[in-house]
Amino acid sequence: MDLQQAVKLRVLELCEKNNLTINGLAMLSGMSQSTVNSLVDGTSQNPKLLTILRLCLGLGIEIKDFFDSDVFIGLED
């Protein structure tokens, strides 16, 4: 699995855990739905750390909590 796929899975995991849609997450994070969609649909091949930070702030979690998931173990380049 590569980083883009791992970020996608983690975003979807956190949405499910918090009972949020992609649109709901975007609103909480102060980002457009298209930005969050690009993480999930694979359009964004290199997600920016600032985007992930904004998602975390919207979810009320620390950035370390975002990366605290098994999906980030054994990533490939």
PDB file of N, CA and C in Angstrom:
ATOM      1  N   MET A   1       0.859  -1.177   0.000  1.00  0.00           N
ATOM      2  CA  MET A   1       0.000   0.000   0.000  1.00  0.00           C
ATOM      3  C   MET A   1       0.898   1.230   0.000  1.00  0.00           C
ATOM      4  N   ASP A   2       0.472   2.257  -0.731  1.00  0.00           N
ATOM      5  CA  ASP A   2       1.246   3.495  -0.734  1.00  0.00           C
ATOM      6  C   ASP A   2       0.593   4.529   0.194  1.00  0.00           C
ATOM      7  N   LEU A   3       1.266   5.651   0.361  1.00  0.00           N
ATOM      8  CA  LEU A   3       0.807   6.678   1.292  1.00  0.00           C
ATOM      9  C   LEU A   3      -0.571   7.213   0.922  1.00  0.00           C
ATOM     10  N   GLN A   4      -0.820   7.452  -0.360  1.00  0.00           N
ATOM     11  CA  GLN A   4      -2.108   7.991  -0.789  1.00  0.00           C
ATOM     12  C   GLN A   4      -3.243   7.043  -0.412  1.00  0.00           C
ATOM     13  N   GLN A   5      -3.042   5.754  -0.628  1.00  0.00           N
ATOM     14  CA  GLN A   5      -4.058   4.765  -0.274  1.00  0.00           C
ATOM     15  C   GLN A   5      -4.264   4.715   1.243  1.00  0.00           C
ATOM     16  N   ALA A   6      -3.179   4.816   1.997  1.00  0.00           N
ATOM     17  CA  ALA A   6      -3.278   4.782   3.452  1.00  0.00           C
ATOM     18  C   ALA A   6      -4.038   5.993   3.975  1.00  0.00           C
ATOM     19  N   VAL A   7      -3.757   7.174   3.420  1.00  0.00           N
ATOM     20  CA  VAL A   7      -4.468   8.389   3.839  1.00  0.00           C
ATOM     21  C   VAL A   7      -5.950   8.246   3.508  1.00  0.00           C
ATOM     22  N   LYS A   8      -6.258   7.752   2.337  1.00  0.00           N
ATOM     23  CA  LYS A   8      -7.649   7.533   1.935  1.00  0.00           C
ATOM     24  C   LYS A   8      -8.363   6.628   2.938  1.00  0.00           C
ATOM     25  N   LEU A   9      -7.748   5.486   3.244  1.00  0.00           N
ATOM     26  CA  LEU A   9      -8.368   4.556   4.181  1.00  0.00           C
ATOM     27  C   LEU A   9      -8.545   5.164   5.563  1.00  0.00           C
ATOM     28  N   ARG A  10      -7.564   5.942   5.990  1.00  0.00           N
ATOM     29  CA  ARG A  10      -7.650   6.559   7.316  1.00  0.00           C
ATOM     30  C   ARG A  10      -8.747   7.615   7.365  1.00  0.00           C
ATOM     31  N   VAL A  11      -8.886   8.406   6.309  1.00  0.00           N
ATOM     32  CA  VAL A  11      -9.956   9.403   6.260  1.00  0.00           C
ATOM     33  C   VAL A  11     -11.316   8.708   6.321  1.00  0.00           C
ATOM     34  N   LEU A  12     -11.480   7.665   5.530  1.00  0.00           N
ATOM     35  CA  LEU A  12     -12.747   6.934   5.537  1.00  0.00           C
ATOM     36  C   LEU A  12     -13.011   6.284   6.897  1.00  0.00           C
ATOM     37  N   GLU A  13     -11.968   5.762   7.520  1.00  0.00           N
ATOM     38  CA  GLU A  13     -12.076   5.149   8.839  1.00  0.00           C
ATOM     39  C   GLU A  13     -12.540   6.177   9.875  1.00  0.00           C
ATOM     40  N   LEU A  14     -11.933   7.349   9.832  1.00  0.00           N
ATOM     41  CA  LEU A  14     -12.291   8.392  10.793  1.00  0.00           C
ATOM     42  C   LEU A  14     -13.694   8.938  10.533  1.00  0.00           C
ATOM     43  N   CYS A  15     -14.085   9.021   9.274  1.00  0.00           N
ATOM     44  CA  CYS A  15     -15.458   9.448   8.959  1.00  0.00           C
ATOM     45  C   CYS A  15     -16.452   8.451   9.539  1.00  0.00           C
ATOM     46  N   GLU A  16     -16.181   7.174   9.338  1.00  0.00           N
ATOM     47  CA  GLU A  16     -17.084   6.146   9.860  1.00  0.00           C
ATOM     48  C   GLU A  16     -17.136   6.186  11.384  1.00  0.00           C
ATOM     49  N   LYS A  17     -15.971   6.296  12.000  1.00  0.00           N
ATOM     50  CA  LYS A  17     -15.889   6.330  13.464  1.00  0.00           C
ATOM     51  C   LYS A  17     -16.666   7.513  14.040  1.00  0.00           C
ATOM     52  N   ASN A  18     -16.652   8.643  13.333  1.00  0.00           N
ATOM     53  CA  ASN A  18     -17.307   9.855  13.818  1.00  0.00           C
ATOM     54  C   ASN A  18     -18.672  10.086  13.170  1.00  0.00           C
ATOM     55  N   ASN A  19     -19.148   9.080  12.437  1.00  0.00           N
ATOM     56  CA  ASN A  19     -20.456   9.151  11.785  1.00  0.00           C
ATOM     57  C   ASN A  19     -20.575  10.410  10.920  1.00  0.00           C
ATOM     58  N   LEU A  20     -19.559  10.616  10.085  1.00  0.00           N
ATOM     59  CA  LEU A  20     -19.505  11.793   9.219  1.00  0.00           C
ATOM     60  C   LEU A  20     -19.470  11.392   7.756  1.00  0.00           C
ATOM     61  N   THR A  21     -20.043  12.220   6.933  1.00  0.00           N
ATOM     62  CA  THR A  21     -19.872  12.093   5.494  1.00  0.00           C
ATOM     63  C   THR A  21     -18.613  12.872   5.106  1.00  0.00           C
ATOM     64  N   ILE A  22     -18.186  12.688   3.868  1.00  0.00           N
ATOM     65  CA  ILE A  22     -17.053  13.463   3.371  1.00  0.00           C
ATOM     66  C   ILE A  22     -17.390  14.947   3.427  1.00  0.00           C
ATOM     67  N   ASN A  23     -18.622  15.295   3.052  1.00  0.00           N
ATOM     68  CA  ASN A  23     -19.054  16.690   3.099  1.00  0.00           C
ATOM     69  C   ASN A  23     -19.028  17.216   4.538  1.00  0.00           C
ATOM     70  N   GLY A  24     -19.485  16.408   5.483  1.00  0.00           N
ATOM     71  CA  GLY A  24     -19.470  16.815   6.891  1.00  0.00           C
ATOM     72  C   GLY A  24     -18.061  17.047   7.401  1.00  0.00           C
ATOM     73  N   LEU A  25     -17.151  16.164   7.016  1.00  0.00           N
ATOM     74  CA  LEU A  25     -15.751  16.323   7.419  1.00  0.00           C
ATOM     75  C   LEU A  25     -15.164  17.585   6.809  1.00  0.00           C
ATOM     76  N   ALA A  26     -15.473  17.830   5.544  1.00  0.00           N
ATOM     77  CA  ALA A  26     -14.974  19.035   4.881  1.00  0.00           C
ATOM     78  C   ALA A  26     -15.467  20.285   5.598  1.00  0.00           C
ATOM     79  N   MET A  27     -16.746  20.301   5.947  1.00  0.00           N
ATOM     80  CA  MET A  27     -17.302  21.475   6.640  1.00  0.00           C
ATOM     81  C   MET A  27     -16.630  21.684   7.990  1.00  0.00           C
ATOM     82  N   LEU A  28     -16.453  20.613   8.760  1.00  0.00           N
ATOM     83  CA  LEU A  28     -15.799  20.732  10.069  1.00  0.00           C
ATOM     84  C   LEU A  28     -14.354  21.208   9.943  1.00  0.00           C
ATOM     85  N   SER A  29     -13.730  20.841   8.836  1.00  0.00           N
ATOM     86  CA  SER A  29     -12.314  21.157   8.631  1.00  0.00           C
ATOM     87  C   SER A  29     -12.089  22.492   7.936  1.00  0.00           C
ATOM     88  N   GLY A  30     -13.175  23.132   7.495  1.00  0.00           N
ATOM     89  CA  GLY A  30     -13.042  24.415   6.806  1.00  0.00           C
ATOM     90  C   GLY A  30     -12.439  24.290   5.422  1.00  0.00           C
ATOM     91  N   MET A  31     -12.664  23.144   4.783  1.00  0.00           N
ATOM     92  CA  MET A  31     -12.139  22.916   3.444  1.00  0.00           C
ATOM     93  C   MET A  31     -13.295  22.632   2.499  1.00  0.00           C
ATOM     94  N   SER A  32     -13.025  22.735   1.225  1.00  0.00           N
ATOM     95  CA  SER A  32     -14.062  22.411   0.254  1.00  0.00           C
ATOM     96  C   SER A  32     -14.240  20.894   0.200  1.00  0.00           C
ATOM     97  N   GLN A  33     -15.442  20.490  -0.192  1.00  0.00           N
ATOM     98  CA  GLN A  33     -15.705  19.057  -0.329  1.00  0.00           C
ATOM     99  C   GLN A  33     -14.813  18.458  -1.409  1.00  0.00           C
ATOM    100  N   SER A  34     -14.518  19.222  -2.443  1.00  0.00           N
ATOM    101  CA  SER A  34     -13.680  18.703  -3.527  1.00  0.00           C
ATOM    102  C   SER A  34     -12.262  18.389  -3.040  1.00  0.00           C
ATOM    103  N   THR A  35     -11.770  19.157  -2.087  1.00  0.00           N
ATOM    104  CA  THR A  35     -10.431  18.888  -1.531  1.00  0.00           C
ATOM    105  C   THR A  35     -10.420  17.554  -0.806  1.00  0.00           C
ATOM    106  N   VAL A  36     -11.422  17.336   0.029  1.00  0.00           N
ATOM    107  CA  VAL A  36     -11.491  16.073   0.771  1.00  0.00           C
ATOM    108  C   VAL A  36     -11.791  14.920  -0.190  1.00  0.00           C
ATOM    109  N   ASN A  37     -12.649  15.160  -1.164  1.00  0.00           N
ATOM    110  CA  ASN A  37     -12.936  14.129  -2.168  1.00  0.00           C
ATOM    111  C   ASN A  37     -11.673  13.708  -2.899  1.00  0.00           C
ATOM    112  N   SER A  38     -10.801  14.661  -3.187  1.00  0.00           N
ATOM    113  CA  SER A  38      -9.577  14.332  -3.920  1.00  0.00           C
ATOM    114  C   SER A  38      -8.678  13.387  -3.121  1.00  0.00           C
ATOM    115  N   LEU A  39      -8.751  13.458  -1.790  1.00  0.00           N
ATOM    116  CA  LEU A  39      -7.995  12.516  -0.959  1.00  0.00           C
ATOM    117  C   LEU A  39      -8.596  11.121  -1.056  1.00  0.00           C
ATOM    118  N   VAL A  40      -9.906  11.069  -1.117  1.00  0.00           N
ATOM    119  CA  VAL A  40     -10.615   9.791  -1.080  1.00  0.00           C
ATOM    120  C   VAL A  40     -10.694   9.127  -2.453  1.00  0.00           C
ATOM    121  N   ASP A  41     -10.822   9.910  -3.510  1.00  0.00           N
ATOM    122  CA  ASP A  41     -10.976   9.304  -4.833  1.00  0.00           C
ATOM    123  C   ASP A  41      -9.645   9.086  -5.557  1.00  0.00           C
ATOM    124  N   GLY A  42      -8.546   9.476  -4.927  1.00  0.00           N
ATOM    125  CA  GLY A  42      -7.234   9.230  -5.509  1.00  0.00           C
ATOM    126  C   GLY A  42      -6.711  10.323  -6.418  1.00  0.00           C
ATOM    127  N   THR A  43      -7.485  11.393  -6.598  1.00  0.00           N
ATOM    128  CA  THR A  43      -7.034  12.501  -7.430  1.00  0.00           C
ATOM    129  C   THR A  43      -5.779  13.136  -6.849  1.00  0.00           C
ATOM    130  N   SER A  44      -5.742  13.267  -5.528  1.00  0.00           N
ATOM    131  CA  SER A  44      -4.575  13.830  -4.846  1.00  0.00           C
ATOM    132  C   SER A  44      -3.556  12.713  -4.634  1.00  0.00           C
ATOM    133  N   GLN A  45      -2.511  12.707  -5.441  1.00  0.00           N
ATOM    134  CA  GLN A  45      -1.491  11.670  -5.357  1.00  0.00           C
ATOM    135  C   GLN A  45      -0.480  11.931  -4.244  1.00  0.00           C
ATOM    136  N   ASN A  46      -0.411  13.180  -3.781  1.00  0.00           N
ATOM    137  CA  ASN A  46       0.560  13.544  -2.763  1.00  0.00           C
ATOM    138  C   ASN A  46      -0.116  14.473  -1.755  1.00  0.00           C
ATOM    139  N   PRO A  47      -0.874  13.914  -0.809  1.00  0.00           N
ATOM    140  CA  PRO A  47      -1.603  14.761   0.135  1.00  0.00           C
ATOM    141  C   PRO A  47      -0.662  15.622   0.972  1.00  0.00           C
ATOM    142  N   LYS A  48      -1.018  16.880   1.093  1.00  0.00           N
ATOM    143  CA  LYS A  48      -0.199  17.812   1.870  1.00  0.00           C
ATOM    144  C   LYS A  48      -0.447  17.614   3.360  1.00  0.00           C
ATOM    145  N   LEU A  49       0.600  17.801   4.127  1.00  0.00           N
ATOM    146  CA  LEU A  49       0.491  17.674   5.568  1.00  0.00           C
ATOM    147  C   LEU A  49      -0.465  18.720   6.140  1.00  0.00           C
ATOM    148  N   LEU A  50      -0.488  19.908   5.546  1.00  0.00           N
ATOM    149  CA  LEU A  50      -1.405  20.955   6.001  1.00  0.00           C
ATOM    150  C   LEU A  50      -2.857  20.520   5.825  1.00  0.00           C
ATOM    151  N   THR A  51      -3.164  19.826   4.753  1.00  0.00           N
ATOM    152  CA  THR A  51      -4.515  19.317   4.538  1.00  0.00           C
ATOM    153  C   THR A  51      -4.875  18.302   5.614  1.00  0.00           C
ATOM    154  N   ILE A  52      -3.952  17.414   5.919  1.00  0.00           N
ATOM    155  CA  ILE A  52      -4.191  16.419   6.964  1.00  0.00           C
ATOM    156  C   ILE A  52      -4.350  17.093   8.312  1.00  0.00           C
ATOM    157  N   LEU A  53      -3.550  18.124   8.585  1.00  0.00           N
ATOM    158  CA  LEU A  53      -3.677  18.867   9.831  1.00  0.00           C
ATOM    159  C   LEU A  53      -5.065  19.505   9.945  1.00  0.00           C
ATOM    160  N   ARG A  54      -5.556  20.080   8.861  1.00  0.00           N
ATOM    161  CA  ARG A  54      -6.890  20.699   8.879  1.00  0.00           C
ATOM    162  C   ARG A  54      -7.974  19.661   9.149  1.00  0.00           C
ATOM    163  N   LEU A  55      -7.814  18.478   8.570  1.00  0.00           N
ATOM    164  CA  LEU A  55      -8.765  17.398   8.860  1.00  0.00           C
ATOM    165  C   LEU A  55      -8.743  17.053  10.344  1.00  0.00           C
ATOM    166  N   CYS A  56      -7.547  16.971  10.894  1.00  0.00           N
ATOM    167  CA  CYS A  56      -7.399  16.651  12.312  1.00  0.00           C
ATOM    168  C   CYS A  56      -8.059  17.714  13.191  1.00  0.00           C
ATOM    169  N   LEU A  57      -7.839  18.969  12.860  1.00  0.00           N
ATOM    170  CA  LEU A  57      -8.453  20.046  13.639  1.00  0.00           C
ATOM    171  C   LEU A  57      -9.967  19.960  13.563  1.00  0.00           C
ATOM    172  N   GLY A  58     -10.490  19.649  12.391  1.00  0.00           N
ATOM    173  CA  GLY A  58     -11.927  19.493  12.229  1.00  0.00           C
ATOM    174  C   GLY A  58     -12.479  18.332  13.043  1.00  0.00           C
ATOM    175  N   LEU A  59     -11.696  17.279  13.153  1.00  0.00           N
ATOM    176  CA  LEU A  59     -12.115  16.102  13.911  1.00  0.00           C
ATOM    177  C   LEU A  59     -11.838  16.235  15.407  1.00  0.00           C
ATOM    178  N   GLY A  60     -11.072  17.247  15.773  1.00  0.00           N
ATOM    179  CA  GLY A  60     -10.727  17.429  17.184  1.00  0.00           C
ATOM    180  C   GLY A  60      -9.698  16.424  17.672  1.00  0.00           C
ATOM    181  N   ILE A  61      -8.791  16.013  16.761  1.00  0.00           N
ATOM    182  CA  ILE A  61      -7.739  15.076  17.145  1.00  0.00           C
ATOM    183  C   ILE A  61      -6.374  15.686  16.843  1.00  0.00           C
ATOM    184  N   GLU A  62      -5.368  15.120  17.462  1.00  0.00           N
ATOM    185  CA  GLU A  62      -3.991  15.536  17.191  1.00  0.00           C
ATOM    186  C   GLU A  62      -3.509  14.841  15.915  1.00  0.00           C
ATOM    187  N   ILE A  63      -2.556  15.442  15.245  1.00  0.00           N
ATOM    188  CA  ILE A  63      -2.046  14.850  14.011  1.00  0.00           C
ATOM    189  C   ILE A  63      -1.425  13.480  14.278  1.00  0.00           C
ATOM    190  N   LYS A  64      -0.849  13.296  15.456  1.00  0.00           N
ATOM    191  CA  LYS A  64      -0.279  11.990  15.800  1.00  0.00           C
ATOM    192  C   LYS A  64      -1.362  10.920  15.851  1.00  0.00           C
ATOM    193  N   ASP A  65      -2.576  11.315  16.224  1.00  0.00           N
ATOM    194  CA  ASP A  65      -3.683  10.362  16.265  1.00  0.00           C
ATOM    195  C   ASP A  65      -4.120   9.948  14.859  1.00  0.00           C
ATOM    196  N   PHE A  66      -3.987  10.866  13.904  1.00  0.00           N
ATOM    197  CA  PHE A  66      -4.326  10.522  12.525  1.00  0.00           C
ATOM    198  C   PHE A  66      -3.428   9.386  12.037  1.00  0.00           C
ATOM    199  N   PHE A  67      -2.149   9.479  12.345  1.00  0.00           N
ATOM    200  CA  PHE A  67      -1.194   8.491  11.860  1.00  0.00           C
ATOM    201  C   PHE A  67      -1.085   7.264  12.763  1.00  0.00           C
ATOM    202  N   ASP A  68      -1.828   7.245  13.856  1.00  0.00           N
ATOM    203  CA  ASP A  68      -1.832   6.104  14.774  1.00  0.00           C
ATOM    204  C   ASP A  68      -2.830   5.064  14.282  1.00  0.00           C
ATOM    205  N   SER A  69      -2.477   4.403  13.198  1.00  0.00           N
ATOM    206  CA  SER A  69      -3.340   3.404  12.575  1.00  0.00           C
ATOM    207  C   SER A  69      -2.476   2.382  11.857  1.00  0.00           C
ATOM    208  N   ASP A  70      -2.951   1.169  11.827  1.00  0.00           N
ATOM    209  CA  ASP A  70      -2.210   0.098  11.155  1.00  0.00           C
ATOM    210  C   ASP A  70      -2.078   0.315   9.657  1.00  0.00           C
ATOM    211  N   VAL A  71      -2.900   1.168   9.067  1.00  0.00           N
ATOM    212  CA  VAL A  71      -2.814   1.394   7.622  1.00  0.00           C
ATOM    213  C   VAL A  71      -1.477   2.045   7.237  1.00  0.00           C
ATOM    214  N   PHE A  72      -0.785   2.638   8.198  1.00  0.00           N
ATOM    215  CA  PHE A  72       0.495   3.277   7.902  1.00  0.00           C
ATOM    216  C   PHE A  72       1.700   2.379   8.153  1.00  0.00           C
ATOM    217  N   ILE A  73       1.452   1.113   8.474  1.00  0.00           N
ATOM    218  CA  ILE A  73       2.549   0.152   8.686  1.00  0.00           C
ATOM    219  C   ILE A  73       2.907  -0.497   7.354  1.00  0.00           C
ATOM    220  N   GLY A  74       4.183  -0.511   7.050  1.00  0.00           N
ATOM    221  CA  GLY A  74       4.682  -1.179   5.854  1.00  0.00           C
ATOM    222  C   GLY A  74       4.344  -0.469   4.544  1.00  0.00           C
ATOM    223  N   LEU A  75       4.330   0.863   4.563  1.00  0.00           N
ATOM    224  CA  LEU A  75       4.028   1.607   3.335  1.00  0.00           C
ATOM    225  C   LEU A  75       5.132   1.425   2.311  1.00  0.00           C
ATOM    226  N   GLU A  76       4.722   1.480   1.055  1.00  0.00           N
ATOM    227  CA  GLU A  76       5.661   1.408  -0.058  1.00  0.00           C
ATOM    228  C   GLU A  76       5.763   2.768  -0.723  1.00  0.00           C
ATOM    229  N   ASP A  77       6.867   2.989  -1.390  1.00  0.00           N
ATOM    230  CA  ASP A  77       7.092   4.244  -2.099  1.00  0.00           C
ATOM    231  C   ASP A  77       6.330   4.264  -3.397  1.00  0.00           C
TER     232      ASP A  77
END
